[in-house]
């Protein structure tokens, strides 16, 4: 079953770094990936691996990002791993980018990468957690002071008020959007109570799941 794969520009640098490694460096990296502990969050994987490898952490970060994109593409496809690898190699060989030299051992590397259960579980968890209409990307509370002036001709300064604005960036489909909310001190206190309660719920649920021998996969 043939499918059209595309290598986004954002991940080409990561593949270029990986392809430029020696065979020993490639194998060391893939071995280290296969031994990643399940409690290591995705975003800390590059710094974790850099402790054991003679590869620059910046390069590892780009490579890991590229690898994760492969697992996400595989998860979104409906073909076997073997078919996916074949299509992927064909896609790499057809790239017009002269800076990316595809190694002859690419299939061996991909076969080794795709047997990494830790990577698969993390990507699967990330994929499931993102199957929602809106995903929070970032947030910030901006606190400011606003003056209150009199209405008469003298326009004197009668007082000041403290205002808070909650800025939220969220992903909606493929778009990043923003929303702003005006908050007062009561809103802040209510949010703090709700956040503390949610954090406490997570701690309790984690403890119960771990007692029942379930694995908790950190996705951050």
C-alpha atoms as a PDB file:
ATOM      1  CA  UNK A   1       0.000   0.000   0.000  1.00  0.00           C
ATOM      2  CA  UNK A   2       1.640   3.191  -1.185  1.00  0.00           C
ATOM      3  CA  UNK A   3       1.223   6.517   0.606  1.00  0.00           C
ATOM      4  CA  UNK A   4       2.675   9.980   0.110  1.00  0.00           C
ATOM      5  CA  UNK A   5       5.159  10.991   2.799  1.00  0.00           C
ATOM      6  CA  UNK A   6       6.654  14.437   3.106  1.00  0.00           C
ATOM      7  CA  UNK A   7       9.660  15.565   5.152  1.00  0.00           C
ATOM      8  CA  UNK A   8       8.767  18.987   6.615  1.00  0.00           C
ATOM      9  CA  UNK A   9      11.539  21.591   6.453  1.00  0.00           C
ATOM     10  CA  UNK A  10      11.454  21.909  10.249  1.00  0.00           C
ATOM     11  CA  UNK A  11      12.827  18.365  10.604  1.00  0.00           C
ATOM     12  CA  UNK A  12      15.331  18.253   7.748  1.00  0.00           C
ATOM     13  CA  UNK A  13      18.157  19.622   9.904  1.00  0.00           C
ATOM     14  CA  UNK A  14      17.654  16.815  12.425  1.00  0.00           C
ATOM     15  CA  UNK A  15      17.870  14.159   9.724  1.00  0.00           C
ATOM     16  CA  UNK A  16      20.897  15.887   8.211  1.00  0.00           C
ATOM     17  CA  UNK A  17      22.654  15.757  11.596  1.00  0.00           C
ATOM     18  CA  UNK A  18      21.784  12.080  12.043  1.00  0.00           C
ATOM     19  CA  UNK A  19      22.886  11.094   8.550  1.00  0.00           C
ATOM     20  CA  UNK A  20      26.231  12.858   9.066  1.00  0.00           C
ATOM     21  CA  UNK A  21      27.078  10.781  12.160  1.00  0.00           C
ATOM     22  CA  UNK A  22      29.481   7.896  11.886  1.00  0.00           C
ATOM     23  CA  UNK A  23      27.983   4.398  12.053  1.00  0.00           C
ATOM     24  CA  UNK A  24      29.313   3.967  15.580  1.00  0.00           C
ATOM     25  CA  UNK A  25      27.753   7.267  16.654  1.00  0.00           C
ATOM     26  CA  UNK A  26      24.427   6.307  15.059  1.00  0.00           C
ATOM     27  CA  UNK A  27      24.408   2.972  16.865  1.00  0.00           C
ATOM     28  CA  UNK A  28      25.410   4.560  20.177  1.00  0.00           C
ATOM     29  CA  UNK A  29      22.560   7.066  19.837  1.00  0.00           C
ATOM     30  CA  UNK A  30      19.982   4.425  18.934  1.00  0.00           C
ATOM     31  CA  UNK A  31      21.158   2.176  21.772  1.00  0.00           C
ATOM     32  CA  UNK A  32      20.860   5.090  24.213  1.00  0.00           C
ATOM     33  CA  UNK A  33      17.356   5.899  22.937  1.00  0.00           C
ATOM     34  CA  UNK A  34      16.291   2.289  23.469  1.00  0.00           C
ATOM     35  CA  UNK A  35      17.477   2.502  27.086  1.00  0.00           C
ATOM     36  CA  UNK A  36      15.690   5.767  27.964  1.00  0.00           C
ATOM     37  CA  UNK A  37      13.813   5.416  31.222  1.00  0.00           C
ATOM     38  CA  UNK A  38      10.046   5.801  30.932  1.00  0.00           C
ATOM     39  CA  UNK A  39       9.940   8.578  33.553  1.00  0.00           C
ATOM     40  CA  UNK A  40      12.068  10.910  31.395  1.00  0.00           C
ATOM     41  CA  UNK A  41       9.851  13.679  29.905  1.00  0.00           C
ATOM     42  CA  UNK A  42      10.126  14.179  26.147  1.00  0.00           C
ATOM     43  CA  UNK A  43      11.534  17.703  26.423  1.00  0.00           C
ATOM     44  CA  UNK A  44      14.436  16.564  28.634  1.00  0.00           C
ATOM     45  CA  UNK A  45      15.471  13.619  26.437  1.00  0.00           C
ATOM     46  CA  UNK A  46      18.193  15.587  24.532  1.00  0.00           C
ATOM     47  CA  UNK A  47      19.953  16.755  27.716  1.00  0.00           C
ATOM     48  CA  UNK A  48      19.559  13.260  29.210  1.00  0.00           C
ATOM     49  CA  UNK A  49      21.169  11.599  26.175  1.00  0.00           C
ATOM     50  CA  UNK A  50      23.937  14.216  25.928  1.00  0.00           C
ATOM     51  CA  UNK A  51      25.322  12.902  29.232  1.00  0.00           C
ATOM     52  CA  UNK A  52      26.228   9.579  27.625  1.00  0.00           C
ATOM     53  CA  UNK A  53      27.057  10.511  24.033  1.00  0.00           C
ATOM     54  CA  UNK A  54      29.867  12.353  22.285  1.00  0.00           C
ATOM     55  CA  UNK A  55      27.308  14.300  20.248  1.00  0.00           C
ATOM     56  CA  UNK A  56      26.448  17.974  20.678  1.00  0.00           C
ATOM     57  CA  UNK A  57      23.222  18.476  22.654  1.00  0.00           C
ATOM     58  CA  UNK A  58      21.888  20.938  20.059  1.00  0.00           C
ATOM     59  CA  UNK A  59      22.283  18.276  17.366  1.00  0.00           C
ATOM     60  CA  UNK A  60      20.669  15.644  19.585  1.00  0.00           C
ATOM     61  CA  UNK A  61      17.691  17.959  20.140  1.00  0.00           C
ATOM     62  CA  UNK A  62      17.158  18.353  16.389  1.00  0.00           C
ATOM     63  CA  UNK A  63      17.586  14.612  15.807  1.00  0.00           C
ATOM     64  CA  UNK A  64      15.117  13.657  18.556  1.00  0.00           C
ATOM     65  CA  UNK A  65      12.594  16.145  17.189  1.00  0.00           C
ATOM     66  CA  UNK A  66      12.950  14.573  13.735  1.00  0.00           C
ATOM     67  CA  UNK A  67      12.637  11.045  15.162  1.00  0.00           C
ATOM     68  CA  UNK A  68       9.501  11.955  17.109  1.00  0.00           C
ATOM     69  CA  UNK A  69       7.969  13.310  13.910  1.00  0.00           C
ATOM     70  CA  UNK A  70       8.496   9.878  12.325  1.00  0.00           C
ATOM     71  CA  UNK A  71       6.681   8.107  15.143  1.00  0.00           C
ATOM     72  CA  UNK A  72       3.839  10.629  14.931  1.00  0.00           C
ATOM     73  CA  UNK A  73       3.587  10.111  11.160  1.00  0.00           C
ATOM     74  CA  UNK A  74       3.620   6.342  11.652  1.00  0.00           C
ATOM     75  CA  UNK A  75       0.910   6.587  14.305  1.00  0.00           C
ATOM     76  CA  UNK A  76      -1.254   8.680  11.975  1.00  0.00           C
ATOM     77  CA  UNK A  77      -0.799   6.231   9.095  1.00  0.00           C
ATOM     78  CA  UNK A  78      -2.634   2.961   8.682  1.00  0.00           C
ATOM     79  CA  UNK A  79       0.244   0.871   7.370  1.00  0.00           C
ATOM     80  CA  UNK A  80       2.661  -1.553   8.958  1.00  0.00           C
ATOM     81  CA  UNK A  81       6.054  -0.484  10.279  1.00  0.00           C
ATOM     82  CA  UNK A  82       7.772  -2.352   7.457  1.00  0.00           C
ATOM     83  CA  UNK A  83       5.712  -0.553   4.808  1.00  0.00           C
ATOM     84  CA  UNK A  84       6.206   2.798   6.531  1.00  0.00           C
ATOM     85  CA  UNK A  85       9.995   2.355   6.574  1.00  0.00           C
ATOM     86  CA  UNK A  86      10.002   1.435   2.883  1.00  0.00           C
ATOM     87  CA  UNK A  87       7.955   4.508   1.982  1.00  0.00           C
ATOM     88  CA  UNK A  88      10.146   6.686   4.196  1.00  0.00           C
ATOM     89  CA  UNK A  89      13.374   5.520   2.562  1.00  0.00           C
ATOM     90  CA  UNK A  90      11.831   6.124  -0.855  1.00  0.00           C
ATOM     91  CA  UNK A  91      10.845   9.644   0.248  1.00  0.00           C
ATOM     92  CA  UNK A  92      14.371  10.400   1.494  1.00  0.00           C
ATOM     93  CA  UNK A  93      15.916   9.150  -1.742  1.00  0.00           C
ATOM     94  CA  UNK A  94      13.681  11.485  -3.746  1.00  0.00           C
ATOM     95  CA  UNK A  95      14.551  14.596  -1.742  1.00  0.00           C
ATOM     96  CA  UNK A  96      15.932  17.339  -3.994  1.00  0.00           C
ATOM     97  CA  UNK A  97      17.987  18.758  -1.109  1.00  0.00           C
ATOM     98  CA  UNK A  98      21.632  18.160  -2.041  1.00  0.00           C
ATOM     99  CA  UNK A  99      22.758  18.846   1.539  1.00  0.00           C
ATOM    100  CA  UNK A 100      21.061  15.661   2.804  1.00  0.00           C
ATOM    101  CA  UNK A 101      23.074  12.590   1.841  1.00  0.00           C
ATOM    102  CA  UNK A 102      21.048   9.461   2.605  1.00  0.00           C
ATOM    103  CA  UNK A 103      23.279   6.707   4.071  1.00  0.00           C
ATOM    104  CA  UNK A 104      23.086   3.179   2.658  1.00  0.00           C
ATOM    105  CA  UNK A 105      22.482   1.875   6.207  1.00  0.00           C
ATOM    106  CA  UNK A 106      19.317   3.941   6.688  1.00  0.00           C
ATOM    107  CA  UNK A 107      17.018   0.897   6.753  1.00  0.00           C
ATOM    108  CA  UNK A 108      19.074  -0.715   9.522  1.00  0.00           C
ATOM    109  CA  UNK A 109      18.890   2.501  11.546  1.00  0.00           C
ATOM    110  CA  UNK A 110      15.120   2.844  11.069  1.00  0.00           C
ATOM    111  CA  UNK A 111      14.536  -0.811  11.942  1.00  0.00           C
ATOM    112  CA  UNK A 112      16.461  -0.265  15.159  1.00  0.00           C
ATOM    113  CA  UNK A 113      14.683   3.011  15.948  1.00  0.00           C
ATOM    114  CA  UNK A 114      11.182   1.620  15.513  1.00  0.00           C
ATOM    115  CA  UNK A 115      11.704  -1.195  17.998  1.00  0.00           C
ATOM    116  CA  UNK A 116      12.138   1.416  20.754  1.00  0.00           C
ATOM    117  CA  UNK A 117       9.068   0.839  22.910  1.00  0.00           C
ATOM    118  CA  UNK A 118       9.758   3.850  25.145  1.00  0.00           C
ATOM    119  CA  UNK A 119       9.623   6.232  22.193  1.00  0.00           C
ATOM    120  CA  UNK A 120       6.464   4.613  20.884  1.00  0.00           C
ATOM    121  CA  UNK A 121       4.658   4.853  24.236  1.00  0.00           C
ATOM    122  CA  UNK A 122       5.585   8.530  24.645  1.00  0.00           C
ATOM    123  CA  UNK A 123       4.451   9.428  21.128  1.00  0.00           C
ATOM    124  CA  UNK A 124       1.249   7.404  21.513  1.00  0.00           C
ATOM    125  CA  UNK A 125       0.485   9.197  24.763  1.00  0.00           C
ATOM    126  CA  UNK A 126       1.243  12.577  23.217  1.00  0.00           C
ATOM    127  CA  UNK A 127      -0.929  11.714  20.207  1.00  0.00           C
ATOM    128  CA  UNK A 128      -3.877  10.742  22.421  1.00  0.00           C
ATOM    129  CA  UNK A 129      -3.526  13.805  24.659  1.00  0.00           C
ATOM    130  CA  UNK A 130      -3.567  16.121  21.630  1.00  0.00           C
ATOM    131  CA  UNK A 131      -6.816  14.750  20.197  1.00  0.00           C
ATOM    132  CA  UNK A 132      -8.793  17.710  21.492  1.00  0.00           C
ATOM    133  CA  UNK A 133     -10.266  20.742  19.761  1.00  0.00           C
ATOM    134  CA  UNK A 134      -8.103  23.302  21.572  1.00  0.00           C
ATOM    135  CA  UNK A 135      -4.656  22.749  23.130  1.00  0.00           C
ATOM    136  CA  UNK A 136      -2.990  25.270  25.433  1.00  0.00           C
ATOM    137  CA  UNK A 137       0.370  26.388  24.054  1.00  0.00           C
ATOM    138  CA  UNK A 138       1.367  29.115  26.497  1.00  0.00           C
ATOM    139  CA  UNK A 139      -0.103  31.476  29.073  1.00  0.00           C
ATOM    140  CA  UNK A 140       0.899  34.655  30.835  1.00  0.00           C
ATOM    141  CA  UNK A 141      -0.682  37.005  33.373  1.00  0.00           C
ATOM    142  CA  UNK A 142       0.151  40.656  32.771  1.00  0.00           C
ATOM    143  CA  UNK A 143      -0.341  42.900  35.799  1.00  0.00           C
ATOM    144  CA  UNK A 144      -0.648  46.640  35.321  1.00  0.00           C
ATOM    145  CA  UNK A 145      -1.672  49.823  37.124  1.00  0.00           C
ATOM    146  CA  UNK A 146      -4.314  52.115  35.587  1.00  0.00           C
ATOM    147  CA  UNK A 147      -4.906  55.717  36.690  1.00  0.00           C
ATOM    148  CA  UNK A 148      -8.360  57.119  37.470  1.00  0.00           C
ATOM    149  CA  UNK A 149      -8.790  60.793  36.622  1.00  0.00           C
ATOM    150  CA  UNK A 150     -11.548  63.169  37.668  1.00  0.00           C
ATOM    151  CA  UNK A 151     -14.169  64.248  35.159  1.00  0.00           C
ATOM    152  CA  UNK A 152     -13.793  67.964  35.822  1.00  0.00           C
ATOM    153  CA  UNK A 153     -11.666  70.398  33.859  1.00  0.00           C
ATOM    154  CA  UNK A 154      -8.756  70.026  36.286  1.00  0.00           C
ATOM    155  CA  UNK A 155      -8.393  66.345  35.375  1.00  0.00           C
ATOM    156  CA  UNK A 156      -6.795  65.447  38.686  1.00  0.00           C
ATOM    157  CA  UNK A 157      -5.519  62.009  39.546  1.00  0.00           C
ATOM    158  CA  UNK A 158      -8.118  60.519  41.890  1.00  0.00           C
ATOM    159  CA  UNK A 159      -6.597  57.098  42.332  1.00  0.00           C
ATOM    160  CA  UNK A 160      -5.132  53.962  40.805  1.00  0.00           C
ATOM    161  CA  UNK A 161      -6.427  50.468  40.164  1.00  0.00           C
ATOM    162  CA  UNK A 162      -4.494  47.221  39.705  1.00  0.00           C
ATOM    163  CA  UNK A 163      -5.597  45.147  36.733  1.00  0.00           C
ATOM    164  CA  UNK A 164      -4.607  41.674  35.576  1.00  0.00           C
ATOM    165  CA  UNK A 165      -4.905  40.282  32.050  1.00  0.00           C
ATOM    166  CA  UNK A 166      -4.613  36.570  31.355  1.00  0.00           C
ATOM    167  CA  UNK A 167      -3.163  35.931  27.888  1.00  0.00           C
ATOM    168  CA  UNK A 168      -3.625  32.408  26.567  1.00  0.00           C
ATOM    169  CA  UNK A 169      -2.147  31.015  23.362  1.00  0.00           C
ATOM    170  CA  UNK A 170      -3.809  27.876  22.103  1.00  0.00           C
ATOM    171  CA  UNK A 171      -3.676  25.578  19.107  1.00  0.00           C
ATOM    172  CA  UNK A 172      -6.889  25.193  17.145  1.00  0.00           C
ATOM    173  CA  UNK A 173      -6.330  22.744  14.325  1.00  0.00           C
ATOM    174  CA  UNK A 174      -3.113  23.908  12.657  1.00  0.00           C
ATOM    175  CA  UNK A 175      -3.514  27.530  13.809  1.00  0.00           C
ATOM    176  CA  UNK A 176      -2.127  29.252  16.904  1.00  0.00           C
ATOM    177  CA  UNK A 177      -4.647  31.686  18.367  1.00  0.00           C
ATOM    178  CA  UNK A 178      -4.757  34.066  21.329  1.00  0.00           C
ATOM    179  CA  UNK A 179      -7.408  34.936  23.896  1.00  0.00           C
ATOM    180  CA  UNK A 180      -7.339  37.606  26.640  1.00  0.00           C
ATOM    181  CA  UNK A 181      -9.279  37.625  29.904  1.00  0.00           C
ATOM    182  CA  UNK A 182      -9.546  40.477  32.425  1.00  0.00           C
ATOM    183  CA  UNK A 183      -9.050  39.263  35.994  1.00  0.00           C
ATOM    184  CA  UNK A 184      -9.450  40.780  39.439  1.00  0.00           C
ATOM    185  CA  UNK A 185      -7.989  39.569  42.721  1.00  0.00           C
ATOM    186  CA  UNK A 186     -11.006  37.312  43.362  1.00  0.00           C
ATOM    187  CA  UNK A 187     -10.510  35.659  39.963  1.00  0.00           C
ATOM    188  CA  UNK A 188      -6.824  35.058  40.741  1.00  0.00           C
ATOM    189  CA  UNK A 189      -7.630  33.517  44.115  1.00  0.00           C
ATOM    190  CA  UNK A 190     -10.326  31.308  42.559  1.00  0.00           C
ATOM    191  CA  UNK A 191      -7.912  30.152  39.828  1.00  0.00           C
ATOM    192  CA  UNK A 192      -5.238  29.396  42.432  1.00  0.00           C
ATOM    193  CA  UNK A 193      -7.667  27.243  44.431  1.00  0.00           C
ATOM    194  CA  UNK A 194      -8.761  25.376  41.290  1.00  0.00           C
ATOM    195  CA  UNK A 195      -5.160  24.803  40.130  1.00  0.00           C
ATOM    196  CA  UNK A 196      -4.069  23.597  43.580  1.00  0.00           C
ATOM    197  CA  UNK A 197      -7.064  21.245  43.641  1.00  0.00           C
ATOM    198  CA  UNK A 198      -6.222  19.875  40.167  1.00  0.00           C
ATOM    199  CA  UNK A 199      -2.572  19.319  41.170  1.00  0.00           C
ATOM    200  CA  UNK A 200      -3.692  17.497  44.306  1.00  0.00           C
ATOM    201  CA  UNK A 201      -6.035  15.306  42.219  1.00  0.00           C
ATOM    202  CA  UNK A 202      -3.141  14.415  39.920  1.00  0.00           C
ATOM    203  CA  UNK A 203      -0.931  13.444  42.883  1.00  0.00           C
ATOM    204  CA  UNK A 204      -3.692  11.240  44.323  1.00  0.00           C
ATOM    205  CA  UNK A 205      -4.464   9.600  40.972  1.00  0.00           C
ATOM    206  CA  UNK A 206      -0.775   8.998  40.255  1.00  0.00           C
ATOM    207  CA  UNK A 207      -0.336   7.357  43.633  1.00  0.00           C
ATOM    208  CA  UNK A 208      -3.366   5.113  43.122  1.00  0.00           C
ATOM    209  CA  UNK A 209      -2.301   4.113  39.605  1.00  0.00           C
ATOM    210  CA  UNK A 210       1.269   3.396  40.689  1.00  0.00           C
ATOM    211  CA  UNK A 211       0.004   1.305  43.613  1.00  0.00           C
ATOM    212  CA  UNK A 212      -2.002  -0.686  41.057  1.00  0.00           C
ATOM    213  CA  UNK A 213       1.231  -1.176  39.038  1.00  0.00           C
ATOM    214  CA  UNK A 214       0.153   1.103  36.169  1.00  0.00           C
ATOM    215  CA  UNK A 215       2.887   3.120  34.461  1.00  0.00           C
ATOM    216  CA  UNK A 216       2.490   6.890  34.356  1.00  0.00           C
ATOM    217  CA  UNK A 217       4.000   8.306  31.142  1.00  0.00           C
ATOM    218  CA  UNK A 218       5.258  11.912  31.498  1.00  0.00           C
ATOM    219  CA  UNK A 219       4.501  13.826  28.293  1.00  0.00           C
ATOM    220  CA  UNK A 220       5.995  17.232  29.092  1.00  0.00           C
END
